[in-house]
Amino acid sequence: MKWLMNGMIILSFSFLVACSDDTEWSEVTNEEDVLPYLTLVENYLDTWERALETQSFSIMEPLMVPNSHGYHIERRQHQELIGSRIIDRAVDTEDPILEENQYDSEKRLRITVWIDRESPAGVEQIERTRYYYMNEGNQGLRVTAIETVEEDM
């Protein structure tokens, strides 16, 4: 019974360590390094609009890591928007900031996007700031996850 208790303690400790978000991010200032990531996000936004217009998520797949958590979240979001007959059109972007973590394996681009959201009720303008997490793999640069930044009110 003692081994079971010790095992549970070790498992609990491992879980706490794994869940702690102590990743440190630093800004990438070289414009040449930023450009491929900014280009990917701009391409992602254009493709997202086309995916909503054509009601086909498959055109997004070359831009994302397949079967990742971020992939499934975006696919679900796509289904919800087309079910409501909503199309998001990126109108403008501002303040792109590329950051890399201390492991240099993943980068994220923080960017503010102005969106015209077209629905049967009309057009609504939305300002959204997000982190686009990206990783370079065998098939090139791809989006691994997207996180909306909650602004302090």
Protein backbone atom coordinates (compact mmCIF):
# COMPACT_ATOMS: atom_id res chain seq x y z
CA MET A 1 0.00 0.00 0.00
CA LYS A 2 2.94 2.29 0.74
CA TRP A 3 4.21 1.92 -2.85
CA LEU A 4 0.79 3.00 -4.14
CA MET A 5 0.87 6.14 -1.99
CA ASN A 6 4.44 6.95 -3.11
CA GLY A 7 3.40 6.40 -6.73
CA MET A 8 0.48 8.80 -6.34
CA ILE A 9 2.72 11.44 -4.78
CA ILE A 10 5.26 11.15 -7.60
CA LEU A 11 2.48 11.26 -10.22
CA SER A 12 0.92 14.34 -8.59
CA PHE A 13 4.29 16.11 -8.44
CA SER A 14 5.01 15.25 -12.09
CA PHE A 15 1.62 16.62 -13.10
CA LEU A 16 2.24 19.91 -11.27
CA VAL A 17 5.67 20.32 -12.86
CA ALA A 18 4.32 19.54 -16.33
CA CYS A 19 1.45 22.01 -15.96
CA SER A 20 3.54 24.94 -14.80
CA ASP A 21 4.01 27.49 -17.58
CA ASP A 22 7.49 28.80 -16.95
CA THR A 23 8.36 29.29 -20.62
CA GLU A 24 10.29 32.48 -21.14
CA TRP A 25 9.71 34.43 -24.34
CA SER A 26 12.01 37.05 -25.84
CA GLU A 27 11.35 39.38 -28.76
CA VAL A 28 12.96 38.72 -32.13
CA THR A 29 14.02 42.09 -33.54
CA ASN A 30 15.68 41.14 -36.84
CA GLU A 31 13.10 42.02 -39.54
CA GLU A 32 14.41 39.30 -41.87
CA ASP A 33 13.67 36.71 -39.19
CA VAL A 34 10.17 38.12 -38.59
CA LEU A 35 9.07 38.19 -42.24
CA PRO A 36 8.42 34.43 -42.80
CA TYR A 37 6.26 34.27 -39.67
CA LEU A 38 4.31 37.40 -40.56
CA THR A 39 3.81 36.08 -44.10
CA LEU A 40 2.48 32.78 -42.73
CA VAL A 41 -0.04 34.55 -40.48
CA GLU A 42 -1.21 36.83 -43.32
CA ASN A 43 -1.57 33.77 -45.57
CA TYR A 44 -3.44 32.00 -42.74
CA LEU A 45 -5.92 34.91 -42.45
CA ASP A 46 -6.55 34.97 -46.22
CA THR A 47 -6.98 31.20 -46.34
CA TRP A 48 -9.33 31.28 -43.34
CA GLU A 49 -11.60 33.67 -45.24
CA ARG A 50 -11.58 31.39 -48.31
CA ALA A 51 -12.23 28.34 -46.09
CA LEU A 52 -15.34 30.03 -44.71
CA GLU A 53 -16.50 31.13 -48.18
CA THR A 54 -16.07 27.64 -49.65
CA GLN A 55 -17.19 25.89 -46.45
CA SER A 56 -14.10 23.66 -46.69
CA PHE A 57 -11.56 23.42 -43.88
CA SER A 58 -9.23 21.24 -45.95
CA ILE A 59 -7.55 24.27 -47.54
CA MET A 60 -6.31 25.21 -44.04
CA GLU A 61 -4.49 21.92 -43.52
CA PRO A 62 -1.21 22.85 -45.30
CA LEU A 63 -0.83 25.79 -42.89
CA MET A 64 -1.32 23.81 -39.67
CA VAL A 65 0.22 20.86 -37.88
CA PRO A 66 -2.29 18.09 -38.63
CA ASN A 67 -4.13 16.46 -35.76
CA SER A 68 -2.69 18.89 -33.21
CA HIS A 69 -4.85 20.37 -30.48
CA GLY A 70 -4.80 23.74 -32.28
CA TYR A 71 -5.88 22.07 -35.52
CA HIS A 72 -8.94 20.51 -33.89
CA ILE A 73 -9.91 23.74 -32.13
CA GLU A 74 -9.73 25.72 -35.39
CA ARG A 75 -11.67 23.03 -37.25
CA ARG A 76 -14.44 23.20 -34.63
CA GLN A 77 -14.47 27.02 -34.86
CA HIS A 78 -14.74 26.74 -38.65
CA GLN A 79 -17.73 24.40 -38.34
CA GLU A 80 -19.48 26.75 -35.91
CA LEU A 81 -18.97 29.78 -38.16
CA ILE A 82 -20.16 28.10 -41.35
CA GLY A 83 -23.15 26.70 -39.46
CA SER A 84 -24.04 30.30 -38.56
CA ARG A 85 -23.21 31.51 -42.10
CA ILE A 86 -20.47 33.81 -40.82
CA ILE A 87 -17.43 34.88 -42.82
CA ASP A 88 -14.50 36.65 -41.17
CA ARG A 89 -12.57 38.98 -43.48
CA ALA A 90 -9.26 40.34 -42.19
CA VAL A 91 -9.19 44.02 -43.12
CA ASP A 92 -5.97 45.18 -41.49
CA THR A 93 -3.22 44.04 -39.15
CA GLU A 94 -1.09 45.99 -36.70
CA ASP A 95 1.74 45.63 -34.19
CA PRO A 96 3.26 42.26 -35.11
CA ILE A 97 5.73 41.12 -32.45
CA LEU A 98 7.64 37.88 -32.95
CA GLU A 99 8.91 36.08 -29.85
CA GLU A 100 10.92 32.91 -29.35
CA ASN A 101 11.08 30.70 -26.29
CA GLN A 102 14.23 29.78 -24.44
CA TYR A 103 14.34 26.43 -26.21
CA ASP A 104 14.26 28.10 -29.67
CA SER A 105 11.96 25.38 -30.93
CA GLU A 106 8.77 27.42 -31.12
CA LYS A 107 8.00 30.99 -31.99
CA ARG A 108 4.85 33.01 -31.57
CA LEU A 109 3.63 36.11 -33.35
CA ARG A 110 1.44 38.52 -31.44
CA ILE A 111 -0.66 40.54 -33.86
CA THR A 112 -3.78 42.68 -33.78
CA VAL A 113 -6.23 42.02 -36.60
CA TRP A 114 -9.27 44.06 -37.61
CA ILE A 115 -11.98 41.79 -38.96
CA ASP A 116 -15.21 42.45 -40.83
CA ARG A 117 -17.52 39.67 -39.62
CA GLU A 118 -20.25 39.13 -42.20
CA SER A 119 -23.38 37.33 -41.05
CA PRO A 120 -27.03 37.24 -42.15
CA ALA A 121 -27.63 40.05 -39.60
CA GLY A 122 -25.04 42.35 -41.25
CA VAL A 123 -21.40 43.29 -40.89
CA GLU A 124 -19.72 43.75 -37.53
CA GLN A 125 -16.20 45.08 -37.03
CA ILE A 126 -14.03 43.19 -34.56
CA GLU A 127 -10.58 43.96 -33.21
CA ARG A 128 -8.77 40.83 -32.07
CA THR A 129 -5.26 40.36 -30.69
CA ARG A 130 -3.89 36.85 -30.88
CA TYR A 131 -0.76 34.80 -30.51
CA TYR A 132 -0.06 32.52 -33.45
CA TYR A 133 2.29 29.76 -32.29
CA MET A 134 4.45 28.34 -35.08
CA ASN A 135 7.04 25.65 -35.50
CA GLU A 136 9.40 24.70 -38.31
CA GLY A 137 9.10 21.02 -39.16
CA ASN A 138 9.82 18.63 -41.99
CA GLN A 139 7.05 20.18 -44.08
CA GLY A 140 8.03 23.78 -43.40
CA LEU A 141 6.68 26.47 -41.13
CA ARG A 142 3.23 25.71 -39.70
CA VAL A 143 0.78 27.04 -37.12
CA THR A 144 0.59 24.82 -34.03
CA ALA A 145 -1.89 26.84 -31.94
CA ILE A 146 -3.72 30.14 -31.73
CA GLU A 147 -4.42 31.96 -28.48
CA THR A 148 -6.63 35.03 -28.11
CA VAL A 149 -5.13 37.72 -25.87
CA GLU A 150 -7.52 38.87 -23.19
CA GLU A 151 -7.16 42.62 -22.79
CA ASP A 152 -7.37 44.14 -19.31
CA MET A 153 -10.55 46.13 -18.92
